[in-house]
Amino acid sequence: MNTRFDPQEAETRHPNPIGSPPVVETATEARQGSWGAPVLKVLIGGLILAMVAWAGAEWYGQSTAPPAEQTATPPTASPSTPPAAAPPATNSQSGN
């Protein structure tokens, strides 16, 4: 990259060369862009594209999800039913 200053290129590099009258612009002319219909169209278009992408992601997620019967837990005994009583333990080490 050439960073050296070349005086012969000074006119092409500077928007207001030395010796020329200053550029006078109004506030509206000096702005880089203006508000209005083009900006509104871009914003609305962006929102529509975001909604389409979201809908596509939702559709894809639902199509790849496992069926509901595979994700359900199997039924268990109701908590109000007490567990069955265990038989009494016998001591097999006693010599009697």
C-alpha atoms as a PDB file:
ATOM      1  CA  MET A   1       0.000   0.000   0.000  1.00  0.00           C
ATOM      2  CA  ASN A   2       1.417   3.340  -1.033  1.00  0.00           C
ATOM      3  CA  THR A   3       1.208   5.938   1.754  1.00  0.00           C
ATOM      4  CA  ARG A   4       3.531   8.452   0.143  1.00  0.00           C
ATOM      5  CA  PHE A   5       2.017  11.828  -0.788  1.00  0.00           C
ATOM      6  CA  ASP A   6       2.170  12.710  -4.476  1.00  0.00           C
ATOM      7  CA  PRO A   7       1.546  16.433  -5.144  1.00  0.00           C
ATOM      8  CA  GLN A   8       0.338  15.695  -8.667  1.00  0.00           C
ATOM      9  CA  GLU A   9      -2.555  13.674  -7.235  1.00  0.00           C
ATOM     10  CA  ALA A  10      -3.551  16.343  -4.713  1.00  0.00           C
ATOM     11  CA  GLU A  11      -6.423  17.605  -6.872  1.00  0.00           C
ATOM     12  CA  THR A  12      -7.997  14.172  -7.172  1.00  0.00           C
ATOM     13  CA  ARG A  13      -7.597  13.328  -3.499  1.00  0.00           C
ATOM     14  CA  HIS A  14      -8.999  16.492  -1.916  1.00  0.00           C
ATOM     15  CA  PRO A  15     -12.691  17.310  -2.508  1.00  0.00           C
ATOM     16  CA  ASN A  16     -12.038  21.041  -2.207  1.00  0.00           C
ATOM     17  CA  PRO A  17      -8.624  21.837  -3.742  1.00  0.00           C
ATOM     18  CA  ILE A  18      -6.641  24.781  -2.456  1.00  0.00           C
ATOM     19  CA  GLY A  19      -7.655  28.021  -4.142  1.00  0.00           C
ATOM     20  CA  SER A  20     -11.198  26.981  -5.060  1.00  0.00           C
ATOM     21  CA  PRO A  21     -14.253  28.457  -3.353  1.00  0.00           C
ATOM     22  CA  PRO A  22     -15.612  26.475  -0.379  1.00  0.00           C
ATOM     23  CA  VAL A  23     -18.476  24.101  -1.001  1.00  0.00           C
ATOM     24  CA  VAL A  24     -21.717  25.394   0.485  1.00  0.00           C
ATOM     25  CA  GLU A  25     -24.442  22.850   1.194  1.00  0.00           C
ATOM     26  CA  THR A  26     -27.703  23.053   3.071  1.00  0.00           C
ATOM     27  CA  ALA A  27     -28.388  20.698   5.963  1.00  0.00           C
ATOM     28  CA  THR A  28     -30.614  18.563   3.730  1.00  0.00           C
ATOM     29  CA  GLU A  29     -27.959  18.270   1.007  1.00  0.00           C
ATOM     30  CA  ALA A  30     -25.229  17.395   3.517  1.00  0.00           C
ATOM     31  CA  ARG A  31     -27.103  14.367   4.879  1.00  0.00           C
ATOM     32  CA  GLN A  32     -25.929  10.981   3.705  1.00  0.00           C
ATOM     33  CA  GLY A  33     -29.434   9.620   3.288  1.00  0.00           C
ATOM     34  CA  SER A  34     -33.001  10.634   3.761  1.00  0.00           C
ATOM     35  CA  TRP A  35     -35.905   9.147   5.645  1.00  0.00           C
ATOM     36  CA  GLY A  36     -39.031   8.192   3.825  1.00  0.00           C
ATOM     37  CA  ALA A  37     -40.470   5.422   1.712  1.00  0.00           C
ATOM     38  CA  PRO A  38     -37.167   3.668   0.823  1.00  0.00           C
ATOM     39  CA  VAL A  39     -36.194   3.293   4.481  1.00  0.00           C
ATOM     40  CA  LEU A  40     -39.679   2.111   5.420  1.00  0.00           C
ATOM     41  CA  LYS A  41     -39.631  -0.460   2.604  1.00  0.00           C
ATOM     42  CA  VAL A  42     -36.290  -1.846   3.783  1.00  0.00           C
ATOM     43  CA  LEU A  43     -37.487  -2.095   7.397  1.00  0.00           C
ATOM     44  CA  ILE A  44     -40.753  -3.812   6.452  1.00  0.00           C
ATOM     45  CA  GLY A  45     -38.917  -6.157   4.074  1.00  0.00           C
ATOM     46  CA  GLY A  46     -36.476  -7.093   6.833  1.00  0.00           C
ATOM     47  CA  LEU A  47     -39.311  -7.832   9.258  1.00  0.00           C
ATOM     48  CA  ILE A  48     -41.097  -9.999   6.690  1.00  0.00           C
ATOM     49  CA  LEU A  49     -37.908 -11.946   5.971  1.00  0.00           C
ATOM     50  CA  ALA A  50     -37.338 -12.459   9.707  1.00  0.00           C
ATOM     51  CA  MET A  51     -40.898 -13.804  10.123  1.00  0.00           C
ATOM     52  CA  VAL A  52     -40.469 -16.160   7.144  1.00  0.00           C
ATOM     53  CA  ALA A  53     -37.199 -17.473   8.597  1.00  0.00           C
ATOM     54  CA  TRP A  54     -38.808 -17.941  12.018  1.00  0.00           C
ATOM     55  CA  ALA A  55     -41.774 -19.810  10.500  1.00  0.00           C
ATOM     56  CA  GLY A  56     -39.385 -22.051   8.554  1.00  0.00           C
ATOM     57  CA  ALA A  57     -37.422 -22.866  11.695  1.00  0.00           C
ATOM     58  CA  GLU A  58     -40.632 -23.681  13.604  1.00  0.00           C
ATOM     59  CA  TRP A  59     -41.876 -25.916  10.784  1.00  0.00           C
ATOM     60  CA  TYR A  60     -38.537 -27.730  10.570  1.00  0.00           C
ATOM     61  CA  GLY A  61     -38.421 -28.195  14.340  1.00  0.00           C
ATOM     62  CA  GLN A  62     -41.908 -29.693  14.419  1.00  0.00           C
ATOM     63  CA  SER A  63     -41.219 -31.991  11.489  1.00  0.00           C
ATOM     64  CA  THR A  64     -38.109 -33.456  13.128  1.00  0.00           C
ATOM     65  CA  ALA A  65     -39.576 -33.816  16.635  1.00  0.00           C
ATOM     66  CA  PRO A  66     -40.398 -37.362  17.794  1.00  0.00           C
ATOM     67  CA  PRO A  67     -44.097 -38.301  17.986  1.00  0.00           C
ATOM     68  CA  ALA A  68     -45.929 -37.425  21.189  1.00  0.00           C
ATOM     69  CA  GLU A  69     -46.504 -41.082  22.207  1.00  0.00           C
ATOM     70  CA  GLN A  70     -42.745 -41.642  22.373  1.00  0.00           C
ATOM     71  CA  THR A  71     -42.116 -38.701  24.631  1.00  0.00           C
ATOM     72  CA  ALA A  72     -44.844 -39.505  27.187  1.00  0.00           C
ATOM     73  CA  THR A  73     -43.805 -41.201  30.422  1.00  0.00           C
ATOM     74  CA  PRO A  74     -45.340 -44.607  31.169  1.00  0.00           C
ATOM     75  CA  PRO A  75     -48.146 -44.659  33.755  1.00  0.00           C
ATOM     76  CA  THR A  76     -47.066 -45.519  37.287  1.00  0.00           C
ATOM     77  CA  ALA A  77     -48.957 -46.586  40.367  1.00  0.00           C
ATOM     78  CA  SER A  78     -50.920 -43.783  41.883  1.00  0.00           C
ATOM     79  CA  PRO A  79     -49.229 -42.169  44.880  1.00  0.00           C
ATOM     80  CA  SER A  80     -52.267 -42.881  47.086  1.00  0.00           C
ATOM     81  CA  THR A  81     -51.674 -46.666  46.849  1.00  0.00           C
ATOM     82  CA  PRO A  82     -49.274 -47.820  49.596  1.00  0.00           C
ATOM     83  CA  PRO A  83     -46.451 -50.179  48.575  1.00  0.00           C
ATOM     84  CA  ALA A  84     -46.920 -53.902  49.192  1.00  0.00           C
ATOM     85  CA  ALA A  85     -45.715 -55.216  52.553  1.00  0.00           C
ATOM     86  CA  ALA A  86     -42.431 -57.134  52.467  1.00  0.00           C
ATOM     87  CA  PRO A  87     -42.267 -60.593  54.136  1.00  0.00           C
ATOM     88  CA  PRO A  88     -40.473 -60.684  57.493  1.00  0.00           C
ATOM     89  CA  ALA A  89     -36.754 -61.232  57.272  1.00  0.00           C
ATOM     90  CA  THR A  90     -35.298 -64.478  58.598  1.00  0.00           C
ATOM     91  CA  ASN A  91     -31.930 -64.782  60.236  1.00  0.00           C
ATOM     92  CA  SER A  92     -30.144 -67.576  58.438  1.00  0.00           C
ATOM     93  CA  GLN A  93     -27.059 -67.344  60.618  1.00  0.00           C
ATOM     94  CA  SER A  94     -28.720 -68.543  63.795  1.00  0.00           C
ATOM     95  CA  GLY A  95     -27.852 -72.133  64.700  1.00  0.00           C
ATOM     96  CA  ASN A  96     -31.318 -73.271  65.845  1.00  0.00           C
END
